[in-house]
Amino acid sequence: INDMAWYRQAPGNQREPVATVSRAGLANYADSVKGRFTISRDNAKNT
């Protein structure tokens, strides 16, 4: 499993990326959630 991500979709809106994280742990966030949301992963548990 390579990149993992969280998306969200509100009624009437398109699905949009919220946060992504690479297998190496590098994370990117949408501007609207920076400083508030944190993405993390456990490669051994695939979560």
ModelCIF file with pLDDT and N, C-alpha, C, O atoms, coordinates in Angstrom:
data_MODEL
#
_entry.id   MODEL 
#
_entity.id                         1 
_entity.type                       polymer 
_entity.pdbx_number_of_molecules   1 
#
_entity_poly.entity_id                      1 
_entity_poly.type                           'polypeptide(L)' 
_entity_poly.nstd_linkage                   no 
_entity_poly.nstd_monomer                   no 
_entity_poly.pdbx_seq_one_letter_code       INDMAWYRQAPGNQREPVATVSRAGLANYADSVKGRFTISRDNAKNT 
_entity_poly.pdbx_seq_one_letter_code_can   INDMAWYRQAPGNQREPVATVSRAGLANYADSVKGRFTISRDNAKNT 
_entity_poly.pdbx_strand_id                 A 
#
loop_
_entity_poly_seq.entity_id 
_entity_poly_seq.num 
_entity_poly_seq.mon_id 
_entity_poly_seq.hetero 
1 1  ILE n 
1 2  ASN n 
1 3  ASP n 
1 4  MET n 
1 5  ALA n 
1 6  TRP n 
1 7  TYR n 
1 8  ARG n 
1 9  GLN n 
1 10 ALA n 
1 11 PRO n 
1 12 GLY n 
1 13 ASN n 
1 14 GLN n 
1 15 ARG n 
1 16 GLU n 
1 17 PRO n 
1 18 VAL n 
1 19 ALA n 
1 20 THR n 
1 21 VAL n 
1 22 SER n 
1 23 ARG n 
1 24 ALA n 
1 25 GLY n 
1 26 LEU n 
1 27 ALA n 
1 28 ASN n 
1 29 TYR n 
1 30 ALA n 
1 31 ASP n 
1 32 SER n 
1 33 VAL n 
1 34 LYS n 
1 35 GLY n 
1 36 ARG n 
1 37 PHE n 
1 38 THR n 
1 39 ILE n 
1 40 SER n 
1 41 ARG n 
1 42 ASP n 
1 43 ASN n 
1 44 ALA n 
1 45 LYS n 
1 46 ASN n 
1 47 THR n 
#
_struct_asym.id          A 
_struct_asym.entity_id   1 
#
loop_
_ma_qa_metric.id 
_ma_qa_metric.mode 
_ma_qa_metric.name 
_ma_qa_metric.software_group_id 
_ma_qa_metric.type 
1 global pLDDT . pLDDT 
2 local  pLDDT . pLDDT 
#
_ma_qa_metric_global.metric_id      1 
_ma_qa_metric_global.metric_value   96.32 
_ma_qa_metric_global.model_id       1 
_ma_qa_metric_global.ordinal_id     1 
#
loop_
_ma_qa_metric_local.label_asym_id 
_ma_qa_metric_local.label_comp_id 
_ma_qa_metric_local.label_seq_id 
_ma_qa_metric_local.metric_id 
_ma_qa_metric_local.metric_value 
_ma_qa_metric_local.model_id 
_ma_qa_metric_local.ordinal_id 
A ILE 1  2 94.00 1 1  
A ASN 2  2 94.00 1 2  
A ASP 3  2 96.00 1 3  
A MET 4  2 97.00 1 4  
A ALA 5  2 98.00 1 5  
A TRP 6  2 98.00 1 6  
A TYR 7  2 98.00 1 7  
A ARG 8  2 98.00 1 8  
A GLN 9  2 98.00 1 9  
A ALA 10 2 97.00 1 10 
A PRO 11 2 92.00 1 11 
A GLY 12 2 93.00 1 12 
A ASN 13 2 96.00 1 13 
A GLN 14 2 96.00 1 14 
A ARG 15 2 97.00 1 15 
A GLU 16 2 97.00 1 16 
A PRO 17 2 98.00 1 17 
A VAL 18 2 98.00 1 18 
A ALA 19 2 98.00 1 19 
A THR 20 2 98.00 1 20 
A VAL 21 2 97.00 1 21 
A SER 22 2 96.00 1 22 
A ARG 23 2 93.00 1 23 
A ALA 24 2 93.00 1 24 
A GLY 25 2 93.00 1 25 
A LEU 26 2 96.00 1 26 
A ALA 27 2 98.00 1 27 
A ASN 28 2 98.00 1 28 
A TYR 29 2 98.00 1 29 
A ALA 30 2 98.00 1 30 
A ASP 31 2 98.00 1 31 
A SER 32 2 97.00 1 32 
A VAL 33 2 98.00 1 33 
A LYS 34 2 98.00 1 34 
A GLY 35 2 98.00 1 35 
A ARG 36 2 98.00 1 36 
A PHE 37 2 98.00 1 37 
A THR 38 2 98.00 1 38 
A ILE 39 2 98.00 1 39 
A SER 40 2 97.00 1 40 
A ARG 41 2 96.00 1 41 
A ASP 42 2 94.00 1 42 
A ASN 43 2 92.00 1 43 
A ALA 44 2 93.00 1 44 
A LYS 45 2 93.00 1 45 
A ASN 46 2 94.00 1 46 
A THR 47 2 96.00 1 47 
#
loop_
_atom_site.group_PDB 
_atom_site.id 
_atom_site.type_symbol 
_atom_site.label_atom_id 
_atom_site.label_alt_id 
_atom_site.label_comp_id 
_atom_site.label_asym_id 
_atom_site.label_entity_id 
_atom_site.label_seq_id 
_atom_site.pdbx_PDB_ins_code 
_atom_site.Cartn_x 
_atom_site.Cartn_y 
_atom_site.Cartn_z 
_atom_site.occupancy 
_atom_site.B_iso_or_equiv 
_atom_site.pdbx_formal_charge 
_atom_site.auth_seq_id 
_atom_site.auth_comp_id 
_atom_site.auth_asym_id 
_atom_site.auth_atom_id 
_atom_site.pdbx_PDB_model_num 
ATOM 1   N N  . ILE A 1 1  ? 0.856   -1.174 0.000  1.00 94.00 ? 1  ILE A N  1 
ATOM 2   C CA . ILE A 1 1  ? 0.000   0.000  0.000  1.00 94.00 ? 1  ILE A CA 1 
ATOM 3   C C  . ILE A 1 1  ? 0.894   1.226  0.000  1.00 94.00 ? 1  ILE A C  1 
ATOM 4   O O  . ILE A 1 1  ? 1.775   1.364  0.848  1.00 94.00 ? 1  ILE A O  1 
ATOM 5   N N  . ASN A 1 2  ? 0.665   2.106  -0.946 1.00 94.00 ? 2  ASN A N  1 
ATOM 6   C CA . ASN A 1 2  ? 1.520   3.279  -1.082 1.00 94.00 ? 2  ASN A CA 1 
ATOM 7   C C  . ASN A 1 2  ? 0.863   4.483  -0.401 1.00 94.00 ? 2  ASN A C  1 
ATOM 8   O O  . ASN A 1 2  ? 0.833   4.543  0.829  1.00 94.00 ? 2  ASN A O  1 
ATOM 9   N N  . ASP A 1 3  ? 0.344   5.430  -1.160 1.00 96.00 ? 3  ASP A N  1 
ATOM 10  C CA . ASP A 1 3  ? -0.295  6.581  -0.539 1.00 96.00 ? 3  ASP A CA 1 
ATOM 11  C C  . ASP A 1 3  ? -1.633  6.198  0.091  1.00 96.00 ? 3  ASP A C  1 
ATOM 12  O O  . ASP A 1 3  ? -2.370  5.373  -0.449 1.00 96.00 ? 3  ASP A O  1 
ATOM 13  N N  . MET A 1 4  ? -1.935  6.802  1.233  1.00 97.00 ? 4  MET A N  1 
ATOM 14  C CA . MET A 1 4  ? -3.242  6.692  1.858  1.00 97.00 ? 4  MET A CA 1 
ATOM 15  C C  . MET A 1 4  ? -3.762  8.104  2.082  1.00 97.00 ? 4  MET A C  1 
ATOM 16  O O  . MET A 1 4  ? -2.984  9.046  2.227  1.00 97.00 ? 4  MET A O  1 
ATOM 17  N N  . ALA A 1 5  ? -5.077  8.243  2.110  1.00 98.00 ? 5  ALA A N  1 
ATOM 18  C CA . ALA A 1 5  ? -5.646  9.575  2.182  1.00 98.00 ? 5  ALA A CA 1 
ATOM 19  C C  . ALA A 1 5  ? -7.035  9.554  2.789  1.00 98.00 ? 5  ALA A C  1 
ATOM 20  O O  . ALA A 1 5  ? -7.699  8.519  2.843  1.00 98.00 ? 5  ALA A O  1 
ATOM 21  N N  . TRP A 1 6  ? -7.452  10.718 3.243  1.00 98.00 ? 6  TRP A N  1 
ATOM 22  C CA . TRP A 1 6  ? -8.826  10.958 3.654  1.00 98.00 ? 6  TRP A CA 1 
ATOM 23  C C  . TRP A 1 6  ? -9.438  12.012 2.740  1.00 98.00 ? 6  TRP A C  1 
ATOM 24  O O  . TRP A 1 6  ? -8.844  13.066 2.513  1.00 98.00 ? 6  TRP A O  1 
ATOM 25  N N  . TYR A 1 7  ? -10.613 11.728 2.223  1.00 98.00 ? 7  TYR A N  1 
ATOM 26  C CA . TYR A 1 7  ? -11.406 12.655 1.440  1.00 98.00 ? 7  TYR A CA 1 
ATOM 27  C C  . TYR A 1 7  ? -12.702 12.938 2.180  1.00 98.00 ? 7  TYR A C  1 
ATOM 28  O O  . TYR A 1 7  ? -13.067 12.217 3.108  1.00 98.00 ? 7  TYR A O  1 
ATOM 29  N N  . ARG A 1 8  ? -13.393 13.990 1.766  1.00 98.00 ? 8  ARG A N  1 
ATOM 30  C CA . ARG A 1 8  ? -14.710 14.259 2.330  1.00 98.00 ? 8  ARG A CA 1 
ATOM 31  C C  . ARG A 1 8  ? -15.627 14.828 1.261  1.00 98.00 ? 8  ARG A C  1 
ATOM 32  O O  . ARG A 1 8  ? -15.178 15.437 0.289  1.00 98.00 ? 8  ARG A O  1 
ATOM 33  N N  . GLN A 1 9  ? -16.917 14.617 1.461  1.00 98.00 ? 9  GLN A N  1 
ATOM 34  C CA . GLN A 1 9  ? -17.918 15.109 0.529  1.00 98.00 ? 9  GLN A CA 1 
ATOM 35  C C  . GLN A 1 9  ? -19.132 15.601 1.305  1.00 98.00 ? 9  GLN A C  1 
ATOM 36  O O  . GLN A 1 9  ? -19.789 14.832 2.006  1.00 98.00 ? 9  GLN A O  1 
ATOM 37  N N  . ALA A 1 10 ? -19.419 16.887 1.174  1.00 97.00 ? 10 ALA A N  1 
ATOM 38  C CA . ALA A 1 10 ? -20.604 17.484 1.770  1.00 97.00 ? 10 ALA A CA 1 
ATOM 39  C C  . ALA A 1 10 ? -21.734 17.474 0.743  1.00 97.00 ? 10 ALA A C  1 
ATOM 40  O O  . ALA A 1 10 ? -21.468 17.420 -0.458 1.00 97.00 ? 10 ALA A O  1 
ATOM 41  N N  . PRO A 1 11 ? -22.987 17.524 1.190  1.00 92.00 ? 11 PRO A N  1 
ATOM 42  C CA . PRO A 1 11 ? -24.108 17.525 0.254  1.00 92.00 ? 11 PRO A CA 1 
ATOM 43  C C  . PRO A 1 11 ? -23.993 18.638 -0.784 1.00 92.00 ? 11 PRO A C  1 
ATOM 44  O O  . PRO A 1 11 ? -23.768 19.797 -0.435 1.00 92.00 ? 11 PRO A O  1 
ATOM 45  N N  . GLY A 1 12 ? -24.147 18.285 -2.052 1.00 93.00 ? 12 GLY A N  1 
ATOM 46  C CA . GLY A 1 12 ? -24.066 19.250 -3.130 1.00 93.00 ? 12 GLY A CA 1 
ATOM 47  C C  . GLY A 1 12 ? -22.664 19.599 -3.577 1.00 93.00 ? 12 GLY A C  1 
ATOM 48  O O  . GLY A 1 12 ? -22.492 20.363 -4.527 1.00 93.00 ? 12 GLY A O  1 
ATOM 49  N N  . ASN A 1 13 ? -21.657 19.054 -2.913 1.00 96.00 ? 13 ASN A N  1 
ATOM 50  C CA . ASN A 1 13 ? -20.268 19.350 -3.248 1.00 96.00 ? 13 ASN A CA 1 
ATOM 51  C C  . ASN A 1 13 ? -19.569 18.146 -3.857 1.00 96.00 ? 13 ASN A C  1 
ATOM 52  O O  . ASN A 1 13 ? -20.040 17.013 -3.753 1.00 96.00 ? 13 ASN A O  1 
ATOM 53  N N  . GLN A 1 14 ? -18.437 18.414 -4.493 1.00 96.00 ? 14 GLN A N  1 
ATOM 54  C CA . GLN A 1 14 ? -17.592 17.346 -5.010 1.00 96.00 ? 14 GLN A CA 1 
ATOM 55  C C  . GLN A 1 14 ? -16.760 16.755 -3.883 1.00 96.00 ? 14 GLN A C  1 
ATOM 56  O O  . GLN A 1 14 ? -16.487 17.421 -2.885 1.00 96.00 ? 14 GLN A O  1 
ATOM 57  N N  . ARG A 1 15 ? -16.365 15.513 -4.048 1.00 97.00 ? 15 ARG A N  1 
ATOM 58  C CA . ARG A 1 15 ? -15.465 14.897 -3.085 1.00 97.00 ? 15 ARG A CA 1 
ATOM 59  C C  . ARG A 1 15 ? -14.101 15.580 -3.176 1.00 97.00 ? 15 ARG A C  1 
ATOM 60  O O  . ARG A 1 15 ? -13.568 15.764 -4.270 1.00 97.00 ? 15 ARG A O  1 
ATOM 61  N N  . GLU A 1 16 ? -13.540 15.952 -2.031 1.00 97.00 ? 16 GLU A N  1 
ATOM 62  C CA . GLU A 1 16 ? -12.292 16.686 -2.010 1.00 97.00 ? 16 GLU A CA 1 
ATOM 63  C C  . GLU A 1 16 ? -11.292 16.031 -1.064 1.00 97.00 ? 16 GLU A C  1 
ATOM 64  O O  . GLU A 1 16 ? -11.679 15.466 -0.041 1.00 97.00 ? 16 GLU A O  1 
ATOM 65  N N  . PRO A 1 17 ? -10.005 16.106 -1.402 1.00 98.00 ? 17 PRO A N  1 
ATOM 66  C CA . PRO A 1 17 ? -8.988  15.557 -0.502 1.00 98.00 ? 17 PRO A CA 1 
ATOM 67  C C  . PRO A 1 17 ? -8.826  16.433 0.730  1.00 98.00 ? 17 PRO A C  1 
ATOM 68  O O  . PRO A 1 17 ? -8.829  17.661 0.646  1.00 98.00 ? 17 PRO A O  1 
ATOM 69  N N  . VAL A 1 18 ? -8.686  15.779 1.868  1.00 98.00 ? 18 VAL A N  1 
ATOM 70  C CA . VAL A 1 18 ? -8.474  16.456 3.139  1.00 98.00 ? 18 VAL A CA 1 
ATOM 71  C C  . VAL A 1 18 ? -7.026  16.338 3.577  1.00 98.00 ? 18 VAL A C  1 
ATOM 72  O O  . VAL A 1 18 ? -6.401  17.332 3.947  1.00 98.00 ? 18 VAL A O  1 
ATOM 73  N N  . ALA A 1 19 ? -6.492  15.128 3.537  1.00 98.00 ? 19 ALA A N  1 
ATOM 74  C CA . ALA A 1 19 ? -5.117  14.878 3.946  1.00 98.00 ? 19 ALA A CA 1 
ATOM 75  C C  . ALA A 1 19 ? -4.615  13.621 3.265  1.00 98.00 ? 19 ALA A C  1 
ATOM 76  O O  . ALA A 1 19 ? -5.370  12.668 3.073  1.00 98.00 ? 19 ALA A O  1 
ATOM 77  N N  . THR A 1 20 ? -3.346  13.616 2.901  1.00 98.00 ? 20 THR A N  1 
ATOM 78  C CA . THR A 1 20 ? -2.704  12.450 2.310  1.00 98.00 ? 20 THR A CA 1 
ATOM 79  C C  . THR A 1 20 ? -1.410  12.165 3.052  1.00 98.00 ? 20 THR A C  1 
ATOM 80  O O  . THR A 1 20 ? -0.806  13.062 3.640  1.00 98.00 ? 20 THR A O  1 
ATOM 81  N N  . VAL A 1 21 ? -0.995  10.914 3.020  1.00 97.00 ? 21 VAL A N  1 
ATOM 82  C CA . VAL A 1 21 ? 0.259   10.535 3.646  1.00 97.00 ? 21 VAL A CA 1 
ATOM 83  C C  . VAL A 1 21 ? 0.919   9.428  2.822  1.00 97.00 ? 21 VAL A C  1 
ATOM 84  O O  . VAL A 1 21 ? 0.272   8.446  2.458  1.00 97.00 ? 21 VAL A O  1 
ATOM 85  N N  . SER A 1 22 ? 2.198   9.595  2.534  1.00 96.00 ? 22 SER A N  1 
ATOM 86  C CA . SER A 1 22 ? 2.940   8.591  1.787  1.00 96.00 ? 22 SER A CA 1 
ATOM 87  C C  . SER A 1 22 ? 3.359   7.454  2.701  1.00 96.00 ? 22 SER A C  1 
ATOM 88  O O  . SER A 1 22 ? 3.220   7.539  3.921  1.00 96.00 ? 22 SER A O  1 
ATOM 89  N N  . ARG A 1 23 ? 3.876   6.381  2.095  1.00 93.00 ? 23 ARG A N  1 
ATOM 90  C CA . ARG A 1 23 ? 4.341   5.256  2.891  1.00 93.00 ? 23 ARG A CA 1 
ATOM 91  C C  . ARG A 1 23 ? 5.482   5.673  3.813  1.00 93.00 ? 23 ARG A C  1 
ATOM 92  O O  . ARG A 1 23 ? 5.649   5.110  4.895  1.00 93.00 ? 23 ARG A O  1 
ATOM 93  N N  . ALA A 1 24 ? 6.263   6.657  3.385  1.00 93.00 ? 24 ALA A N  1 
ATOM 94  C CA . ALA A 1 24 ? 7.361   7.163  4.187  1.00 93.00 ? 24 ALA A CA 1 
ATOM 95  C C  . ALA A 1 24 ? 6.909   8.119  5.283  1.00 93.00 ? 24 ALA A C  1 
ATOM 96  O O  . ALA A 1 24 ? 7.719   8.539  6.109  1.00 93.00 ? 24 ALA A O  1 
ATOM 97  N N  . GLY A 1 25 ? 5.625   8.468  5.301  1.00 93.00 ? 25 GLY A N  1 
ATOM 98  C CA . GLY A 1 25 ? 5.098   9.318  6.354  1.00 93.00 ? 25 GLY A CA 1 
ATOM 99  C C  . GLY A 1 25 ? 5.004   10.790 6.019  1.00 93.00 ? 25 GLY A C  1 
ATOM 100 O O  . GLY A 1 25 ? 4.680   11.596 6.890  1.00 93.00 ? 25 GLY A O  1 
ATOM 101 N N  . LEU A 1 26 ? 5.280   11.164 4.772  1.00 96.00 ? 26 LEU A N  1 
ATOM 102 C CA . LEU A 1 26 ? 5.156   12.562 4.371  1.00 96.00 ? 26 LEU A CA 1 
ATOM 103 C C  . LEU A 1 26 ? 3.694   12.912 4.172  1.00 96.00 ? 26 LEU A C  1 
ATOM 104 O O  . LEU A 1 26 ? 2.982   12.228 3.438  1.00 96.00 ? 26 LEU A O  1 
ATOM 105 N N  . ALA A 1 27 ? 3.242   13.981 4.825  1.00 98.00 ? 27 ALA A N  1 
ATOM 106 C CA . ALA A 1 27 ? 1.831   14.337 4.839  1.00 98.00 ? 27 ALA A CA 1 
ATOM 107 C C  . ALA A 1 27 ? 1.566   15.656 4.135  1.00 98.00 ? 27 ALA A C  1 
ATOM 108 O O  . ALA A 1 27 ? 2.390   16.570 4.165  1.00 98.00 ? 27 ALA A O  1 
ATOM 109 N N  . ASN A 1 28 ? 0.412   15.742 3.507  1.00 98.00 ? 28 ASN A N  1 
ATOM 110 C CA . ASN A 1 28 ? -0.093  16.974 2.917  1.00 98.00 ? 28 ASN A CA 1 
ATOM 111 C C  . ASN A 1 28 ? -1.511  17.201 3.403  1.00 98.00 ? 28 ASN A C  1 
ATOM 112 O O  . ASN A 1 28 ? -2.260  16.249 3.621  1.00 98.00 ? 28 ASN A O  1 
ATOM 113 N N  . TYR A 1 29 ? -1.881  18.469 3.573  1.00 98.00 ? 29 TYR A N  1 
ATOM 114 C CA . TYR A 1 29 ? -3.198  18.825 4.080  1.00 98.00 ? 29 TYR A CA 1 
ATOM 115 C C  . TYR A 1 29 ? -3.841  19.897 3.221  1.00 98.00 ? 29 TYR A C  1 
ATOM 116 O O  . TYR A 1 29 ? -3.161  20.752 2.654  1.00 98.00 ? 29 TYR A O  1 
ATOM 117 N N  . ALA A 1 30 ? -5.154  19.840 3.136  1.00 98.00 ? 30 ALA A N  1 
ATOM 118 C CA . ALA A 1 30 ? -5.892  20.936 2.545  1.00 98.00 ? 30 ALA A CA 1 
ATOM 119 C C  . ALA A 1 30 ? -5.728  22.174 3.416  1.00 98.00 ? 30 ALA A C  1 
ATOM 120 O O  . ALA A 1 30 ? -5.628  22.068 4.639  1.00 98.00 ? 30 ALA A O  1 
ATOM 121 N N  . ASP A 1 31 ? -5.701  23.348 2.791  1.00 98.00 ? 31 ASP A N  1 
ATOM 122 C CA . ASP A 1 31 ? -5.510  24.585 3.540  1.00 98.00 ? 31 ASP A CA 1 
ATOM 123 C C  . ASP A 1 31 ? -6.563  24.766 4.633  1.00 98.00 ? 31 ASP A C  1 
ATOM 124 O O  . ASP A 1 31 ? -6.272  25.326 5.690  1.00 98.00 ? 31 ASP A O  1 
ATOM 125 N N  . SER A 1 32 ? -7.766  24.300 4.384  1.00 97.00 ? 32 SER A N  1 
ATOM 126 C CA . SER A 1 32 ? -8.860  24.499 5.316  1.00 97.00 ? 32 SER A CA 1 
ATOM 127 C C  . SER A 1 32 ? -8.704  23.724 6.618  1.00 97.00 ? 32 SER A C  1 
ATOM 128 O O  . SER A 1 32 ? -9.380  24.031 7.601  1.00 97.00 ? 32 SER A O  1 
ATOM 129 N N  . VAL A 1 33 ? -7.820  22.717 6.643  1.00 98.00 ? 33 VAL A N  1 
ATOM 130 C CA . VAL A 1 33 ? -7.676  21.893 7.845  1.00 98.00 ? 33 VAL A CA 1 
ATOM 131 C C  . VAL A 1 33 ? -6.288  21.951 8.449  1.00 98.00 ? 33 VAL A C  1 
ATOM 132 O O  . VAL A 1 33 ? -6.051  21.334 9.488  1.00 98.00 ? 33 VAL A O  1 
ATOM 133 N N  . LYS A 1 34 ? -5.367  22.668 7.834  1.00 98.00 ? 34 LYS A N  1 
ATOM 134 C CA . LYS A 1 34 ? -4.003  22.757 8.358  1.00 98.00 ? 34 LYS A CA 1 
ATOM 135 C C  . LYS A 1 34 ? -4.003  23.319 9.776  1.00 98.00 ? 34 LYS A C  1 
ATOM 136 O O  . LYS A 1 34 ? -4.680  24.305 10.069 1.00 98.00 ? 34 LYS A O  1 
ATOM 137 N N  . GLY A 1 35 ? -3.244  22.685 10.636 1.00 98.00 ? 35 GLY A N  1 
ATOM 138 C CA . GLY A 1 35 ? -3.169  23.100 12.023 1.00 98.00 ? 35 GLY A CA 1 
ATOM 139 C C  . GLY A 1 35 ? -4.240  22.511 12.906 1.00 98.00 ? 35 GLY A C  1 
ATOM 140 O O  . GLY A 1 35 ? -4.152  22.604 14.130 1.00 98.00 ? 35 GLY A O  1 
ATOM 141 N N  . ARG A 1 36 ? -5.257  21.903 12.308 1.00 98.00 ? 36 ARG A N  1 
ATOM 142 C CA . ARG A 1 36 ? -6.356  21.321 13.073 1.00 98.00 ? 36 ARG A CA 1 
ATOM 143 C C  . ARG A 1 36 ? -6.421  19.797 12.946 1.00 98.00 ? 36 ARG A C  1 
ATOM 144 O O  . ARG A 1 36 ? -6.761  19.105 13.906 1.00 98.00 ? 36 ARG A O  1 
ATOM 145 N N  . PHE A 1 37 ? -6.095  19.280 11.764 1.00 98.00 ? 37 PHE A N  1 
ATOM 146 C CA . PHE A 1 37 ? -6.163  17.844 11.507 1.00 98.00 ? 37 PHE A CA 1 
ATOM 147 C C  . PHE A 1 37 ? -4.758  17.262 11.408 1.00 98.00 ? 37 PHE A C  1 
ATOM 148 O O  . PHE A 1 37 ? -3.824  17.939 10.979 1.00 98.00 ? 37 PHE A O  1 
ATOM 149 N N  . THR A 1 38 ? -4.619  16.009 11.806 1.00 98.00 ? 38 THR A N  1 
ATOM 150 C CA . THR A 1 38 ? -3.359  15.292 11.687 1.00 98.00 ? 38 THR A CA 1 
ATOM 151 C C  . THR A 1 38 ? -3.616  13.896 11.143 1.00 98.00 ? 38 THR A C  1 
ATOM 152 O O  . THR A 1 38 ? -4.426  13.148 11.690 1.00 98.00 ? 38 THR A O  1 
ATOM 153 N N  . ILE A 1 39 ? -2.923  13.547 10.063 1.00 98.00 ? 39 ILE A N  1 
ATOM 154 C CA . ILE A 1 39 ? -3.037  12.216 9.492  1.00 98.00 ? 39 ILE A CA 1 
ATOM 155 C C  . ILE A 1 39 ? -1.829  11.387 9.921  1.00 98.00 ? 39 ILE A C  1 
ATOM 156 O O  . ILE A 1 39 ? -0.714  11.901 10.001 1.00 98.00 ? 39 ILE A O  1 
ATOM 157 N N  . SER A 1 40 ? -2.054  10.120 10.191 1.00 97.00 ? 40 SER A N  1 
ATOM 158 C CA . SER A 1 40 ? -0.977  9.227  10.581 1.00 97.00 ? 40 SER A CA 1 
ATOM 159 C C  . SER A 1 40 ? -1.275  7.825  10.061 1.00 97.00 ? 40 SER A C  1 
ATOM 160 O O  . SER A 1 40 ? -2.424  7.498  9.764  1.00 97.00 ? 40 SER A O  1 
ATOM 161 N N  . ARG A 1 41 ? -0.238  7.001  9.954  1.00 96.00 ? 41 ARG A N  1 
ATOM 162 C CA . ARG A 1 41 ? -0.430  5.642  9.464  1.00 96.00 ? 41 ARG A CA 1 
ATOM 163 C C  . ARG A 1 41 ? 0.500   4.680  10.180 1.00 96.00 ? 41 ARG A C  1 
ATOM 164 O O  . ARG A 1 41 ? 1.544   5.064  10.707 1.00 96.00 ? 41 ARG A O  1 
ATOM 165 N N  . ASP A 1 42 ? 0.092   3.426  10.184 1.00 94.00 ? 42 ASP A N  1 
ATOM 166 C CA . ASP A 1 42 ? 0.885   2.342  10.730 1.00 94.00 ? 42 ASP A CA 1 
ATOM 167 C C  . ASP A 1 42 ? 1.059   1.329  9.606  1.00 94.00 ? 42 ASP A C  1 
ATOM 168 O O  . ASP A 1 42 ? 0.128   0.588  9.290  1.00 94.00 ? 42 ASP A O  1 
ATOM 169 N N  . ASN A 1 43 ? 2.240   1.292  9.003  1.00 92.00 ? 43 ASN A N  1 
ATOM 170 C CA . ASN A 1 43 ? 2.473   0.426  7.860  1.00 92.00 ? 43 ASN A CA 1 
ATOM 171 C C  . ASN A 1 43 ? 2.378   -1.060 8.223  1.00 92.00 ? 43 ASN A C  1 
ATOM 172 O O  . ASN A 1 43 ? 1.935   -1.872 7.411  1.00 92.00 ? 43 ASN A O  1 
ATOM 173 N N  . ALA A 1 44 ? 2.790   -1.410 9.430  1.00 93.00 ? 44 ALA A N  1 
ATOM 174 C CA . ALA A 1 44 ? 2.738   -2.803 9.854  1.00 93.00 ? 44 ALA A CA 1 
ATOM 175 C C  . ALA A 1 44 ? 1.311   -3.295 10.003 1.00 93.00 ? 44 ALA A C  1 
ATOM 176 O O  . ALA A 1 44 ? 1.020   -4.456 9.717  1.00 93.00 ? 44 ALA A O  1 
ATOM 177 N N  . LYS A 1 45 ? 0.412   -2.415 10.451 1.00 93.00 ? 45 LYS A N  1 
ATOM 178 C CA . LYS A 1 45 ? -0.981  -2.789 10.660 1.00 93.00 ? 45 LYS A CA 1 
ATOM 179 C C  . LYS A 1 45 ? -1.881  -2.404 9.494  1.00 93.00 ? 45 LYS A C  1 
ATOM 180 O O  . LYS A 1 45 ? -3.065  -2.741 9.489  1.00 93.00 ? 45 LYS A O  1 
ATOM 181 N N  . ASN A 1 46 ? -1.332  -1.703 8.506  1.00 94.00 ? 46 ASN A N  1 
ATOM 182 C CA . ASN A 1 46 ? -2.105  -1.246 7.347  1.00 94.00 ? 46 ASN A CA 1 
ATOM 183 C C  . ASN A 1 46 ? -3.318  -0.414 7.767  1.00 94.00 ? 46 ASN A C  1 
ATOM 184 O O  . ASN A 1 46 ? -4.443  -0.650 7.325  1.00 94.00 ? 46 ASN A O  1 
ATOM 185 N N  . THR A 1 47 ? -3.057  0.552  8.623  1.00 96.00 ? 47 THR A N  1 
ATOM 186 C CA . THR A 1 47 ? -4.110  1.444  9.086  1.00 96.00 ? 47 THR A CA 1 
ATOM 187 C C  . THR A 1 47 ? -3.703  2.891  8.875  1.00 96.00 ? 47 THR A C  1 
ATOM 188 O O  . THR A 1 47 ? -4.464  3.800  9.206  1.00 96.00 ? 47 THR A O  1 
#
